[in-house]
Amino acid sequence: MNCPRCASDKIVKNGHRHGKQSYLCRDCHRQFRQNPTPQGYSADVKDLCVKMSLNGMGFRGIERVTGINHNSVINWVRQAEAAISDENYEIPETAQLDELQTFVGAKKTKFGSGLS
């Protein structure tokens, strides 16, 4: 086994971390494990959280359901947004609106409730 930093073979055992043997390089003093496990969430979990956000679920609601911090979910949504190119946007000529509320004309009263 060689050091991942300096490729030296002067390696000694240096205790255990999370149930795995740790090693120490005598030349560069780097600590490492032979087969480190990747940290972080899988791509499937990230995609699920982004889909939940796209379907209208709030970030704190996603946190309550999945147990993942809402700041992590916000960062994943921002990364997904940055990955979308601006060229994909098309403005439709017609659109369907549900329960559109508009104000047409002028207000009848300028001050107060108008009840007096």
PDB file of N, CA and C in Angstrom:
ATOM      1  N   MET A   1       0.858  -1.169   0.000  1.00  0.00           N
ATOM      2  CA  MET A   1       0.000   0.000   0.000  1.00  0.00           C
ATOM      3  C   MET A   1       0.904   1.231   0.000  1.00  0.00           C
ATOM      4  N   ASN A   2       0.492   2.259  -0.742  1.00  0.00           N
ATOM      5  CA  ASN A   2       1.241   3.507  -0.841  1.00  0.00           C
ATOM      6  C   ASN A   2       0.378   4.684  -0.398  1.00  0.00           C
ATOM      7  N   CYS A   3       1.050   5.750  -0.014  1.00  0.00           N
ATOM      8  CA  CYS A   3       0.358   6.974   0.392  1.00  0.00           C
ATOM      9  C   CYS A   3      -0.331   7.596  -0.818  1.00  0.00           C
ATOM     10  N   PRO A   4      -1.601   8.031  -0.691  1.00  0.00           N
ATOM     11  CA  PRO A   4      -2.279   8.647  -1.841  1.00  0.00           C
ATOM     12  C   PRO A   4      -1.709  10.029  -2.190  1.00  0.00           C
ATOM     13  N   ARG A   5      -1.031  10.688  -1.265  1.00  0.00           N
ATOM     14  CA  ARG A   5      -0.490  12.016  -1.536  1.00  0.00           C
ATOM     15  C   ARG A   5       0.902  11.955  -2.164  1.00  0.00           C
ATOM     16  N   CYS A   6       1.825  11.234  -1.496  1.00  0.00           N
ATOM     17  CA  CYS A   6       3.220  11.259  -1.958  1.00  0.00           C
ATOM     18  C   CYS A   6       3.693   9.929  -2.536  1.00  0.00           C
ATOM     19  N   ALA A   7       2.855   8.906  -2.531  1.00  0.00           N
ATOM     20  CA  ALA A   7       3.153   7.580  -3.075  1.00  0.00           C
ATOM     21  C   ALA A   7       4.279   6.880  -2.325  1.00  0.00           C
ATOM     22  N   SER A   8       4.537   7.275  -1.104  1.00  0.00           N
ATOM     23  CA  SER A   8       5.561   6.631  -0.290  1.00  0.00           C
ATOM     24  C   SER A   8       5.043   5.294   0.240  1.00  0.00           C
ATOM     25  N   ASP A   9       5.969   4.355   0.481  1.00  0.00           N
ATOM     26  CA  ASP A   9       5.566   3.078   1.035  1.00  0.00           C
ATOM     27  C   ASP A   9       5.868   2.980   2.529  1.00  0.00           C
ATOM     28  N   LYS A  10       6.240   4.076   3.158  1.00  0.00           N
ATOM     29  CA  LYS A  10       6.509   4.117   4.592  1.00  0.00           C
ATOM     30  C   LYS A  10       5.204   4.396   5.337  1.00  0.00           C
ATOM     31  N   ILE A  11       4.393   3.375   5.453  1.00  0.00           N
ATOM     32  CA  ILE A  11       3.057   3.482   6.012  1.00  0.00           C
ATOM     33  C   ILE A  11       3.008   2.701   7.331  1.00  0.00           C
ATOM     34  N   VAL A  12       2.357   3.276   8.352  1.00  0.00           N
ATOM     35  CA  VAL A  12       2.145   2.582   9.620  1.00  0.00           C
ATOM     36  C   VAL A  12       0.673   2.661   9.984  1.00  0.00           C
ATOM     37  N   LYS A  13       0.202   1.687  10.748  1.00  0.00           N
ATOM     38  CA  LYS A  13      -1.183   1.709  11.222  1.00  0.00           C
ATOM     39  C   LYS A  13      -1.351   2.839  12.219  1.00  0.00           C
ATOM     40  N   ASN A  14      -2.529   3.462  12.212  1.00  0.00           N
ATOM     41  CA  ASN A  14      -2.763   4.630  13.062  1.00  0.00           C
ATOM     42  C   ASN A  14      -4.172   4.602  13.650  1.00  0.00           C
ATOM     43  N   GLY A  15      -4.556   3.509  14.274  1.00  0.00           N
ATOM     44  CA  GLY A  15      -5.849   3.432  14.934  1.00  0.00           C
ATOM     45  C   GLY A  15      -6.984   3.086  13.992  1.00  0.00           C
ATOM     46  N   HIS A  16      -8.201   3.223  14.511  1.00  0.00           N
ATOM     47  CA  HIS A  16      -9.414   2.934  13.745  1.00  0.00           C
ATOM     48  C   HIS A  16     -10.312   4.163  13.721  1.00  0.00           C
ATOM     49  N   ARG A  17     -10.957   4.392  12.624  1.00  0.00           N
ATOM     50  CA  ARG A  17     -11.947   5.458  12.483  1.00  0.00           C
ATOM     51  C   ARG A  17     -13.202   4.851  11.884  1.00  0.00           C
ATOM     52  N   HIS A  18     -14.312   4.964  12.613  1.00  0.00           N
ATOM     53  CA  HIS A  18     -15.607   4.456  12.153  1.00  0.00           C
ATOM     54  C   HIS A  18     -15.523   2.981  11.762  1.00  0.00           C
ATOM     55  N   GLY A  19     -14.762   2.214  12.548  1.00  0.00           N
ATOM     56  CA  GLY A  19     -14.672   0.782  12.315  1.00  0.00           C
ATOM     57  C   GLY A  19     -13.716   0.374  11.222  1.00  0.00           C
ATOM     58  N   LYS A  20     -12.945   1.297  10.663  1.00  0.00           N
ATOM     59  CA  LYS A  20     -11.986   0.973   9.610  1.00  0.00           C
ATOM     60  C   LYS A  20     -10.578   1.337  10.063  1.00  0.00           C
ATOM     61  N   GLN A  21      -9.612   0.579   9.600  1.00  0.00           N
ATOM     62  CA  GLN A  21      -8.221   0.820   9.950  1.00  0.00           C
ATOM     63  C   GLN A  21      -7.720   2.106   9.307  1.00  0.00           C
ATOM     64  N   SER A  22      -7.071   2.962  10.083  1.00  0.00           N
ATOM     65  CA  SER A  22      -6.450   4.181   9.571  1.00  0.00           C
ATOM     66  C   SER A  22      -4.954   3.981   9.468  1.00  0.00           C
ATOM     67  N   TYR A  23      -4.358   4.677   8.517  1.00  0.00           N
ATOM     68  CA  TYR A  23      -2.923   4.581   8.283  1.00  0.00           C
ATOM     69  C   TYR A  23      -2.317   5.980   8.308  1.00  0.00           C
ATOM     70  N   LEU A  24      -0.999   6.021   8.568  1.00  0.00           N
ATOM     71  CA  LEU A  24      -0.269   7.276   8.611  1.00  0.00           C
ATOM     72  C   LEU A  24       0.969   7.143   7.745  1.00  0.00           C
ATOM     73  N   CYS A  25       1.194   8.137   6.894  1.00  0.00           N
ATOM     74  CA  CYS A  25       2.397   8.174   6.069  1.00  0.00           C
ATOM     75  C   CYS A  25       3.512   8.829   6.881  1.00  0.00           C
ATOM     76  N   ARG A  26       4.654   8.160   6.976  1.00  0.00           N
ATOM     77  CA  ARG A  26       5.780   8.700   7.749  1.00  0.00           C
ATOM     78  C   ARG A  26       6.478   9.848   7.020  1.00  0.00           C
ATOM     79  N   ASP A  27       6.340   9.930   5.718  1.00  0.00           N
ATOM     80  CA  ASP A  27       7.013  10.995   4.959  1.00  0.00           C
ATOM     81  C   ASP A  27       6.229  12.305   4.983  1.00  0.00           C
ATOM     82  N   CYS A  28       4.938  12.265   4.604  1.00  0.00           N
ATOM     83  CA  CYS A  28       4.158  13.513   4.504  1.00  0.00           C
ATOM     84  C   CYS A  28       3.161  13.679   5.646  1.00  0.00           C
ATOM     85  N   HIS A  29       3.068  12.699   6.552  1.00  0.00           N
ATOM     86  CA  HIS A  29       2.194  12.735   7.735  1.00  0.00           C
ATOM     87  C   HIS A  29       0.707  12.810   7.400  1.00  0.00           C
ATOM     88  N   ARG A  30       0.346  12.291   6.252  1.00  0.00           N
ATOM     89  CA  ARG A  30      -1.070  12.247   5.900  1.00  0.00           C
ATOM     90  C   ARG A  30      -1.713  11.016   6.524  1.00  0.00           C
ATOM     91  N   GLN A  31      -2.943  11.213   7.051  1.00  0.00           N
ATOM     92  CA  GLN A  31      -3.727  10.096   7.563  1.00  0.00           C
ATOM     93  C   GLN A  31      -4.750   9.716   6.504  1.00  0.00           C
ATOM     94  N   PHE A  32      -4.950   8.421   6.323  1.00  0.00           N
ATOM     95  CA  PHE A  32      -5.903   7.964   5.303  1.00  0.00           C
ATOM     96  C   PHE A  32      -6.372   6.572   5.639  1.00  0.00           C
ATOM     97  N   ARG A  33      -7.399   6.124   4.925  1.00  0.00           N
ATOM     98  CA  ARG A  33      -7.909   4.756   5.013  1.00  0.00           C
ATOM     99  C   ARG A  33      -7.685   4.075   3.684  1.00  0.00           C
ATOM    100  N   GLN A  34      -7.627   2.756   3.743  1.00  0.00           N
ATOM    101  CA  GLN A  34      -7.336   2.018   2.508  1.00  0.00           C
ATOM    102  C   GLN A  34      -8.483   2.114   1.511  1.00  0.00           C
ATOM    103  N   ASN A  35      -9.702   1.887   1.952  1.00  0.00           N
ATOM    104  CA  ASN A  35     -10.873   1.953   1.070  1.00  0.00           C
ATOM    105  C   ASN A  35     -11.879   2.928   1.666  1.00  0.00           C
ATOM    106  N   PRO A  36     -11.715   4.222   1.426  1.00  0.00           N
ATOM    107  CA  PRO A  36     -12.649   5.180   2.023  1.00  0.00           C
ATOM    108  C   PRO A  36     -14.027   5.089   1.375  1.00  0.00           C
ATOM    109  N   THR A  37     -15.041   5.300   2.175  1.00  0.00           N
ATOM    110  CA  THR A  37     -16.408   5.300   1.652  1.00  0.00           C
ATOM    111  C   THR A  37     -16.782   6.725   1.269  1.00  0.00           C
ATOM    112  N   PRO A  38     -17.493   6.913   0.177  1.00  0.00           N
ATOM    113  CA  PRO A  38     -17.887   8.264  -0.215  1.00  0.00           C
ATOM    114  C   PRO A  38     -18.887   8.852   0.769  1.00  0.00           C
ATOM    115  N   GLN A  39     -18.749  10.142   1.017  1.00  0.00           N
ATOM    116  CA  GLN A  39     -19.660  10.811   1.926  1.00  0.00           C
ATOM    117  C   GLN A  39     -20.710  11.567   1.126  1.00  0.00           C
ATOM    118  N   GLY A  40     -21.806  11.875   1.779  1.00  0.00           N
ATOM    119  CA  GLY A  40     -22.863  12.633   1.136  1.00  0.00           C
ATOM    120  C   GLY A  40     -24.029  11.755   0.717  1.00  0.00           C
ATOM    121  N   TYR A  41     -25.025  12.397   0.118  1.00  0.00           N
ATOM    122  CA  TYR A  41     -26.238  11.700  -0.300  1.00  0.00           C
ATOM    123  C   TYR A  41     -26.095  11.218  -1.736  1.00  0.00           C
ATOM    124  N   SER A  42     -26.802  10.170  -2.054  1.00  0.00           N
ATOM    125  CA  SER A  42     -26.745   9.624  -3.411  1.00  0.00           C
ATOM    126  C   SER A  42     -27.506  10.528  -4.377  1.00  0.00           C
ATOM    127  N   ALA A  43     -27.257  10.319  -5.647  1.00  0.00           N
ATOM    128  CA  ALA A  43     -27.923  11.117  -6.682  1.00  0.00           C
ATOM    129  C   ALA A  43     -29.431  10.854  -6.685  1.00  0.00           C
ATOM    130  N   ASP A  44     -29.849   9.650  -6.340  1.00  0.00           N
ATOM    131  CA  ASP A  44     -31.278   9.328  -6.302  1.00  0.00           C
ATOM    132  C   ASP A  44     -31.999  10.147  -5.238  1.00  0.00           C
ATOM    133  N   VAL A  45     -31.369  10.305  -4.069  1.00  0.00           N
ATOM    134  CA  VAL A  45     -31.983  11.091  -2.989  1.00  0.00           C
ATOM    135  C   VAL A  45     -32.063  12.564  -3.401  1.00  0.00           C
ATOM    136  N   LYS A  46     -31.018  13.056  -4.037  1.00  0.00           N
ATOM    137  CA  LYS A  46     -31.015  14.448  -4.483  1.00  0.00           C
ATOM    138  C   LYS A  46     -32.113  14.682  -5.523  1.00  0.00           C
ATOM    139  N   ASP A  47     -32.231  13.761  -6.478  1.00  0.00           N
ATOM    140  CA  ASP A  47     -33.270  13.897  -7.503  1.00  0.00           C
ATOM    141  C   ASP A  47     -34.668  13.868  -6.890  1.00  0.00           C
ATOM    142  N   LEU A  48     -34.871  12.992  -5.912  1.00  0.00           N
ATOM    143  CA  LEU A  48     -36.169  12.915  -5.245  1.00  0.00           C
ATOM    144  C   LEU A  48     -36.509  14.240  -4.567  1.00  0.00           C
ATOM    145  N   CYS A  49     -35.553  14.832  -3.867  1.00  0.00           N
ATOM    146  CA  CYS A  49     -35.802  16.107  -3.181  1.00  0.00           C
ATOM    147  C   CYS A  49     -36.084  17.232  -4.170  1.00  0.00           C
ATOM    148  N   VAL A  50     -35.366  17.248  -5.294  1.00  0.00           N
ATOM    149  CA  VAL A  50     -35.610  18.282  -6.316  1.00  0.00           C
ATOM    150  C   VAL A  50     -36.999  18.091  -6.921  1.00  0.00           C
ATOM    151  N   LYS A  51     -37.411  16.853  -7.160  1.00  0.00           N
ATOM    152  CA  LYS A  51     -38.753  16.591  -7.696  1.00  0.00           C
ATOM    153  C   LYS A  51     -39.831  17.001  -6.707  1.00  0.00           C
ATOM    154  N   MET A  52     -39.597  16.761  -5.410  1.00  0.00           N
ATOM    155  CA  MET A  52     -40.565  17.176  -4.397  1.00  0.00           C
ATOM    156  C   MET A  52     -40.708  18.699  -4.406  1.00  0.00           C
ATOM    157  N   SER A  53     -39.600  19.402  -4.582  1.00  0.00           N
ATOM    158  CA  SER A  53     -39.636  20.857  -4.634  1.00  0.00           C
ATOM    159  C   SER A  53     -40.381  21.335  -5.882  1.00  0.00           C
ATOM    160  N   LEU A  54     -40.144  20.680  -7.009  1.00  0.00           N
ATOM    161  CA  LEU A  54     -40.821  21.061  -8.252  1.00  0.00           C
ATOM    162  C   LEU A  54     -42.324  20.825  -8.168  1.00  0.00           C
ATOM    163  N   ASN A  55     -42.753  19.878  -7.359  1.00  0.00           N
ATOM    164  CA  ASN A  55     -44.175  19.587  -7.198  1.00  0.00           C
ATOM    165  C   ASN A  55     -44.840  20.456  -6.148  1.00  0.00           C
ATOM    166  N   GLY A  56     -44.117  21.463  -5.662  1.00  0.00           N
ATOM    167  CA  GLY A  56     -44.735  22.450  -4.790  1.00  0.00           C
ATOM    168  C   GLY A  56     -44.538  22.224  -3.313  1.00  0.00           C
ATOM    169  N   MET A  57     -43.754  21.252  -2.944  1.00  0.00           N
ATOM    170  CA  MET A  57     -43.514  21.001  -1.525  1.00  0.00           C
ATOM    171  C   MET A  57     -42.447  21.975  -1.021  1.00  0.00           C
ATOM    172  N   GLY A  58     -42.657  22.542   0.140  1.00  0.00           N
ATOM    173  CA  GLY A  58     -41.711  23.495   0.705  1.00  0.00           C
ATOM    174  C   GLY A  58     -40.446  22.807   1.188  1.00  0.00           C
ATOM    175  N   PHE A  59     -39.380  23.614   1.344  1.00  0.00           N
ATOM    176  CA  PHE A  59     -38.092  23.056   1.743  1.00  0.00           C
ATOM    177  C   PHE A  59     -38.148  22.455   3.145  1.00  0.00           C
ATOM    178  N   ARG A  60     -38.828  23.108   4.060  1.00  0.00           N
ATOM    179  CA  ARG A  60     -38.929  22.565   5.411  1.00  0.00           C
ATOM    180  C   ARG A  60     -39.842  21.340   5.447  1.00  0.00           C
ATOM    181  N   GLY A  61     -40.829  21.289   4.556  1.00  0.00           N
ATOM    182  CA  GLY A  61     -41.660  20.088   4.444  1.00  0.00           C
ATOM    183  C   GLY A  61     -40.852  18.906   3.940  1.00  0.00           C
ATOM    184  N   ILE A  62     -39.972  19.160   2.974  1.00  0.00           N
ATOM    185  CA  ILE A  62     -39.087  18.108   2.482  1.00  0.00           C
ATOM    186  C   ILE A  62     -38.167  17.642   3.605  1.00  0.00           C
ATOM    187  N   GLU A  63     -37.713  18.591   4.426  1.00  0.00           N
ATOM    188  CA  GLU A  63     -36.855  18.240   5.560  1.00  0.00           C
ATOM    189  C   GLU A  63     -37.591  17.335   6.545  1.00  0.00           C
ATOM    190  N   ARG A  64     -38.858  17.648   6.821  1.00  0.00           N
ATOM    191  CA  ARG A  64     -39.626  16.827   7.751  1.00  0.00           C
ATOM    192  C   ARG A  64     -39.848  15.416   7.209  1.00  0.00           C
ATOM    193  N   VAL A  65     -40.086  15.291   5.910  1.00  0.00           N
ATOM    194  CA  VAL A  65     -40.375  13.989   5.314  1.00  0.00           C
ATOM    195  C   VAL A  65     -39.118  13.137   5.174  1.00  0.00           C
ATOM    196  N   THR A  66     -38.027  13.744   4.670  1.00  0.00           N
ATOM    197  CA  THR A  66     -36.830  12.965   4.356  1.00  0.00           C
ATOM    198  C   THR A  66     -35.790  12.962   5.469  1.00  0.00           C
ATOM    199  N   GLY A  67     -35.833  13.960   6.346  1.00  0.00           N
ATOM    200  CA  GLY A  67     -34.815  14.062   7.386  1.00  0.00           C
ATOM    201  C   GLY A  67     -33.543  14.741   6.909  1.00  0.00           C
ATOM    202  N   ILE A  68     -33.559  15.308   5.706  1.00  0.00           N
ATOM    203  CA  ILE A  68     -32.397  15.991   5.141  1.00  0.00           C
ATOM    204  C   ILE A  68     -32.565  17.483   5.399  1.00  0.00           C
ATOM    205  N   ASN A  69     -31.485  18.135   5.824  1.00  0.00           N
ATOM    206  CA  ASN A  69     -31.525  19.552   6.149  1.00  0.00           C
ATOM    207  C   ASN A  69     -32.023  20.370   4.961  1.00  0.00           C
ATOM    208  N   HIS A  70     -32.881  21.362   5.252  1.00  0.00           N
ATOM    209  CA  HIS A  70     -33.478  22.157   4.182  1.00  0.00           C
ATOM    210  C   HIS A  70     -32.436  22.976   3.426  1.00  0.00           C
ATOM    211  N   ASN A  71     -31.329  23.327   4.069  1.00  0.00           N
ATOM    212  CA  ASN A  71     -30.276  24.072   3.362  1.00  0.00           C
ATOM    213  C   ASN A  71     -29.620  23.215   2.283  1.00  0.00           C
ATOM    214  N   SER A  72     -29.479  21.932   2.543  1.00  0.00           N
ATOM    215  CA  SER A  72     -28.948  21.019   1.528  1.00  0.00           C
ATOM    216  C   SER A  72     -29.903  20.932   0.345  1.00  0.00           C
ATOM    217  N   VAL A  73     -31.196  20.850   0.636  1.00  0.00           N
ATOM    218  CA  VAL A  73     -32.197  20.765  -0.433  1.00  0.00           C
ATOM    219  C   VAL A  73     -32.185  22.051  -1.260  1.00  0.00           C
ATOM    220  N   ILE A  74     -32.073  23.204  -0.605  1.00  0.00           N
ATOM    221  CA  ILE A  74     -32.016  24.481  -1.325  1.00  0.00           C
ATOM    222  C   ILE A  74     -30.816  24.502  -2.256  1.00  0.00           C
ATOM    223  N   ASN A  75     -29.665  24.032  -1.779  1.00  0.00           N
ATOM    224  CA  ASN A  75     -28.464  24.004  -2.622  1.00  0.00           C
ATOM    225  C   ASN A  75     -28.649  23.080  -3.814  1.00  0.00           C
ATOM    226  N   TRP A  76     -29.294  21.926  -3.617  1.00  0.00           N
ATOM    227  CA  TRP A  76     -29.524  21.000  -4.728  1.00  0.00           C
ATOM    228  C   TRP A  76     -30.470  21.597  -5.760  1.00  0.00           C
ATOM    229  N   VAL A  77     -31.495  22.318  -5.299  1.00  0.00           N
ATOM    230  CA  VAL A  77     -32.438  22.945  -6.230  1.00  0.00           C
ATOM    231  C   VAL A  77     -31.725  24.042  -7.018  1.00  0.00           C
ATOM    232  N   ARG A  78     -30.861  24.802  -6.356  1.00  0.00           N
ATOM    233  CA  ARG A  78     -30.100  25.845  -7.058  1.00  0.00           C
ATOM    234  C   ARG A  78     -29.164  25.241  -8.097  1.00  0.00           C
ATOM    235  N   GLN A  79     -28.527  24.125  -7.767  1.00  0.00           N
ATOM    236  CA  GLN A  79     -27.658  23.455  -8.733  1.00  0.00           C
ATOM    237  C   GLN A  79     -28.458  22.942  -9.922  1.00  0.00           C
ATOM    238  N   ALA A  80     -29.639  22.402  -9.657  1.00  0.00           N
ATOM    239  CA  ALA A  80     -30.488  21.914 -10.752  1.00  0.00           C
ATOM    240  C   ALA A  80     -30.955  23.074 -11.626  1.00  0.00           C
ATOM    241  N   GLU A  81     -31.238  24.210 -11.001  1.00  0.00           N
ATOM    242  CA  GLU A  81     -31.652  25.390 -11.756  1.00  0.00           C
ATOM    243  C   GLU A  81     -30.518  25.901 -12.628  1.00  0.00           C
ATOM    244  N   ALA A  82     -29.301  25.894 -12.107  1.00  0.00           N
ATOM    245  CA  ALA A  82     -28.151  26.366 -12.879  1.00  0.00           C
ATOM    246  C   ALA A  82     -27.843  25.440 -14.051  1.00  0.00           C
ATOM    247  N   ALA A  83     -28.203  24.173 -13.931  1.00  0.00           N
ATOM    248  CA  ALA A  83     -27.934  23.207 -14.994  1.00  0.00           C
ATOM    249  C   ALA A  83     -28.895  23.357 -16.173  1.00  0.00           C
ATOM    250  N   ILE A  84     -30.013  24.042 -15.961  1.00  0.00           N
ATOM    251  CA  ILE A  84     -30.987  24.239 -17.038  1.00  0.00           C
ATOM    252  C   ILE A  84     -30.511  25.383 -17.920  1.00  0.00           C
ATOM    253  N   SER A  85     -30.441  25.131 -19.219  1.00  0.00           N
ATOM    254  CA  SER A  85     -30.000  26.188 -20.126  1.00  0.00           C
ATOM    255  C   SER A  85     -31.152  27.154 -20.407  1.00  0.00           C
ATOM    256  N   ASP A  86     -30.800  28.399 -20.701  1.00  0.00           N
ATOM    257  CA  ASP A  86     -31.801  29.429 -20.969  1.00  0.00           C
ATOM    258  C   ASP A  86     -32.483  29.238 -22.321  1.00  0.00           C
ATOM    259  N   GLU A  87     -31.911  28.440 -23.179  1.00  0.00           N
ATOM    260  CA  GLU A  87     -32.466  28.259 -24.521  1.00  0.00           C
ATOM    261  C   GLU A  87     -33.702  27.371 -24.538  1.00  0.00           C
ATOM    262  N   ASN A  88     -33.976  26.643 -23.465  1.00  0.00           N
ATOM    263  CA  ASN A  88     -35.103  25.711 -23.441  1.00  0.00           C
ATOM    264  C   ASN A  88     -36.441  26.395 -23.178  1.00  0.00           C
ATOM    265  N   TYR A  89     -36.416  27.663 -22.836  1.00  0.00           N
ATOM    266  CA  TYR A  89     -37.653  28.332 -22.473  1.00  0.00           C
ATOM    267  C   TYR A  89     -38.409  28.786 -23.717  1.00  0.00           C
ATOM    268  N   GLU A  90     -39.680  28.401 -23.773  1.00  0.00           N
ATOM    269  CA  GLU A  90     -40.557  28.830 -24.855  1.00  0.00           C
ATOM    270  C   GLU A  90     -41.764  29.505 -24.228  1.00  0.00           C
ATOM    271  N   ILE A  91     -42.131  30.645 -24.749  1.00  0.00           N
ATOM    272  CA  ILE A  91     -43.300  31.365 -24.245  1.00  0.00           C
ATOM    273  C   ILE A  91     -44.493  30.952 -25.095  1.00  0.00           C
ATOM    274  N   PRO A  92     -45.497  30.337 -24.490  1.00  0.00           N
ATOM    275  CA  PRO A  92     -46.652  29.903 -25.283  1.00  0.00           C
ATOM    276  C   PRO A  92     -47.498  31.097 -25.714  1.00  0.00           C
ATOM    277  N   GLU A  93     -48.205  30.937 -26.847  1.00  0.00           N
ATOM    278  CA  GLU A  93     -49.070  31.997 -27.338  1.00  0.00           C
ATOM    279  C   GLU A  93     -50.365  32.063 -26.543  1.00  0.00           C
ATOM    280  N   THR A  94     -50.855  30.924 -26.098  1.00  0.00           N
ATOM    281  CA  THR A  94     -52.060  30.894 -25.278  1.00  0.00           C
ATOM    282  C   THR A  94     -51.759  30.140 -23.990  1.00  0.00           C
ATOM    283  N   ALA A  95     -52.461  30.543 -22.945  1.00  0.00           N
ATOM    284  CA  ALA A  95     -52.262  29.890 -21.656  1.00  0.00           C
ATOM    285  C   ALA A  95     -53.604  29.763 -20.957  1.00  0.00           C
ATOM    286  N   GLN A  96     -53.730  28.769 -20.116  1.00  0.00           N
ATOM    287  CA  GLN A  96     -54.945  28.567 -19.352  1.00  0.00           C
ATOM    288  C   GLN A  96     -54.717  29.084 -17.941  1.00  0.00           C
ATOM    289  N   LEU A  97     -55.594  29.957 -17.477  1.00  0.00           N
ATOM    290  CA  LEU A  97     -55.491  30.526 -16.140  1.00  0.00           C
ATOM    291  C   LEU A  97     -56.655  30.037 -15.301  1.00  0.00           C
ATOM    292  N   ASP A  98     -56.368  29.686 -14.074  1.00  0.00           N
ATOM    293  CA  ASP A  98     -57.394  29.190 -13.183  1.00  0.00           C
ATOM    294  C   ASP A  98     -57.588  30.209 -12.073  1.00  0.00           C
ATOM    295  N   GLU A  99     -58.823  30.680 -11.898  1.00  0.00           N
ATOM    296  CA  GLU A  99     -59.185  31.630 -10.850  1.00  0.00           C
ATOM    297  C   GLU A  99     -58.359  32.907 -10.911  1.00  0.00           C
ATOM    298  N   LEU A 100     -58.296  33.498 -12.084  1.00  0.00           N
ATOM    299  CA  LEU A 100     -57.590  34.756 -12.252  1.00  0.00           C
ATOM    300  C   LEU A 100     -58.428  35.884 -11.676  1.00  0.00           C
ATOM    301  N   GLN A 101     -57.835  36.694 -10.812  1.00  0.00           N
ATOM    302  CA  GLN A 101     -58.524  37.838 -10.227  1.00  0.00           C
ATOM    303  C   GLN A 101     -57.878  39.107 -10.757  1.00  0.00           C
ATOM    304  N   THR A 102     -58.712  39.997 -11.272  1.00  0.00           N
ATOM    305  CA  THR A 102     -58.184  41.252 -11.797  1.00  0.00           C
ATOM    306  C   THR A 102     -58.979  42.408 -11.222  1.00  0.00           C
ATOM    307  N   PHE A 103     -58.426  43.581 -11.322  1.00  0.00           N
ATOM    308  CA  PHE A 103     -59.099  44.808 -10.898  1.00  0.00           C
ATOM    309  C   PHE A 103     -59.240  45.680 -12.133  1.00  0.00           C
ATOM    310  N   VAL A 104     -60.486  45.925 -12.528  1.00  0.00           N
ATOM    311  CA  VAL A 104     -60.753  46.704 -13.725  1.00  0.00           C
ATOM    312  C   VAL A 104     -61.431  47.996 -13.309  1.00  0.00           C
ATOM    313  N   GLY A 105     -61.000  49.103 -13.865  1.00  0.00           N
ATOM    314  CA  GLY A 105     -61.631  50.387 -13.565  1.00  0.00           C
ATOM    315  C   GLY A 105     -60.944  51.089 -12.420  1.00  0.00           C
ATOM    316  N   ALA A 106     -61.695  51.991 -11.771  1.00  0.00           N
ATOM    317  CA  ALA A 106     -61.136  52.780 -10.676  1.00  0.00           C
ATOM    318  C   ALA A 106     -61.871  52.455  -9.384  1.00  0.00           C
ATOM    319  N   LYS A 107     -61.218  52.737  -8.272  1.00  0.00           N
ATOM    320  CA  LYS A 107     -61.853  52.543  -6.969  1.00  0.00           C
ATOM    321  C   LYS A 107     -62.947  53.602  -6.797  1.00  0.00           C
ATOM    322  N   LYS A 108     -64.005  53.259  -6.119  1.00  0.00           N
ATOM    323  CA  LYS A 108     -65.113  54.221  -5.915  1.00  0.00           C
ATOM    324  C   LYS A 108     -64.788  55.230  -4.840  1.00  0.00           C
ATOM    325  N   THR A 109     -63.983  54.822  -3.840  1.00  0.00           N
ATOM    326  CA  THR A 109     -63.613  55.751  -2.788  1.00  0.00           C
ATOM    327  C   THR A 109     -62.106  55.923  -2.789  1.00  0.00           C
ATOM    328  N   LYS A 110     -61.697  57.130  -2.449  1.00  0.00           N
ATOM    329  CA  LYS A 110     -60.272  57.392  -2.390  1.00  0.00           C
ATOM    330  C   LYS A 110     -59.731  57.254  -0.983  1.00  0.00           C
ATOM    331  N   PHE A 111     -60.560  57.513   0.021  1.00  0.00           N
ATOM    332  CA  PHE A 111     -60.101  57.459   1.412  1.00  0.00           C
ATOM    333  C   PHE A 111     -61.159  56.737   2.250  1.00  0.00           C
ATOM    334  N   GLY A 112     -60.702  55.997   3.264  1.00  0.00           N
ATOM    335  CA  GLY A 112     -61.624  55.336   4.173  1.00  0.00           C
ATOM    336  C   GLY A 112     -62.285  54.131   3.560  1.00  0.00           C
ATOM    337  N   SER A 113     -63.289  53.632   4.272  1.00  0.00           N
ATOM    338  CA  SER A 113     -63.956  52.416   3.821  1.00  0.00           C
ATOM    339  C   SER A 113     -65.092  52.697   2.843  1.00  0.00           C
ATOM    340  N   GLY A 114     -65.538  53.932   2.780  1.00  0.00           N
ATOM    341  CA  GLY A 114     -66.620  54.281   1.866  1.00  0.00           C
ATOM    342  C   GLY A 114     -67.992  53.964   2.413  1.00  0.00           C
ATOM    343  N   LEU A 115     -68.107  53.635   3.695  1.00  0.00           N
ATOM    344  CA  LEU A 115     -69.395  53.284   4.291  1.00  0.00           C
ATOM    345  C   LEU A 115     -70.129  54.510   4.805  1.00  0.00           C
ATOM    346  N   SER A 116     -69.443  55.627   4.971  1.00  0.00           N
ATOM    347  CA  SER A 116     -70.139  56.791   5.522  1.00  0.00           C
ATOM    348  C   SER A 116     -70.683  57.704   4.467  1.00  0.00           C
TER     349      SER A 116
END
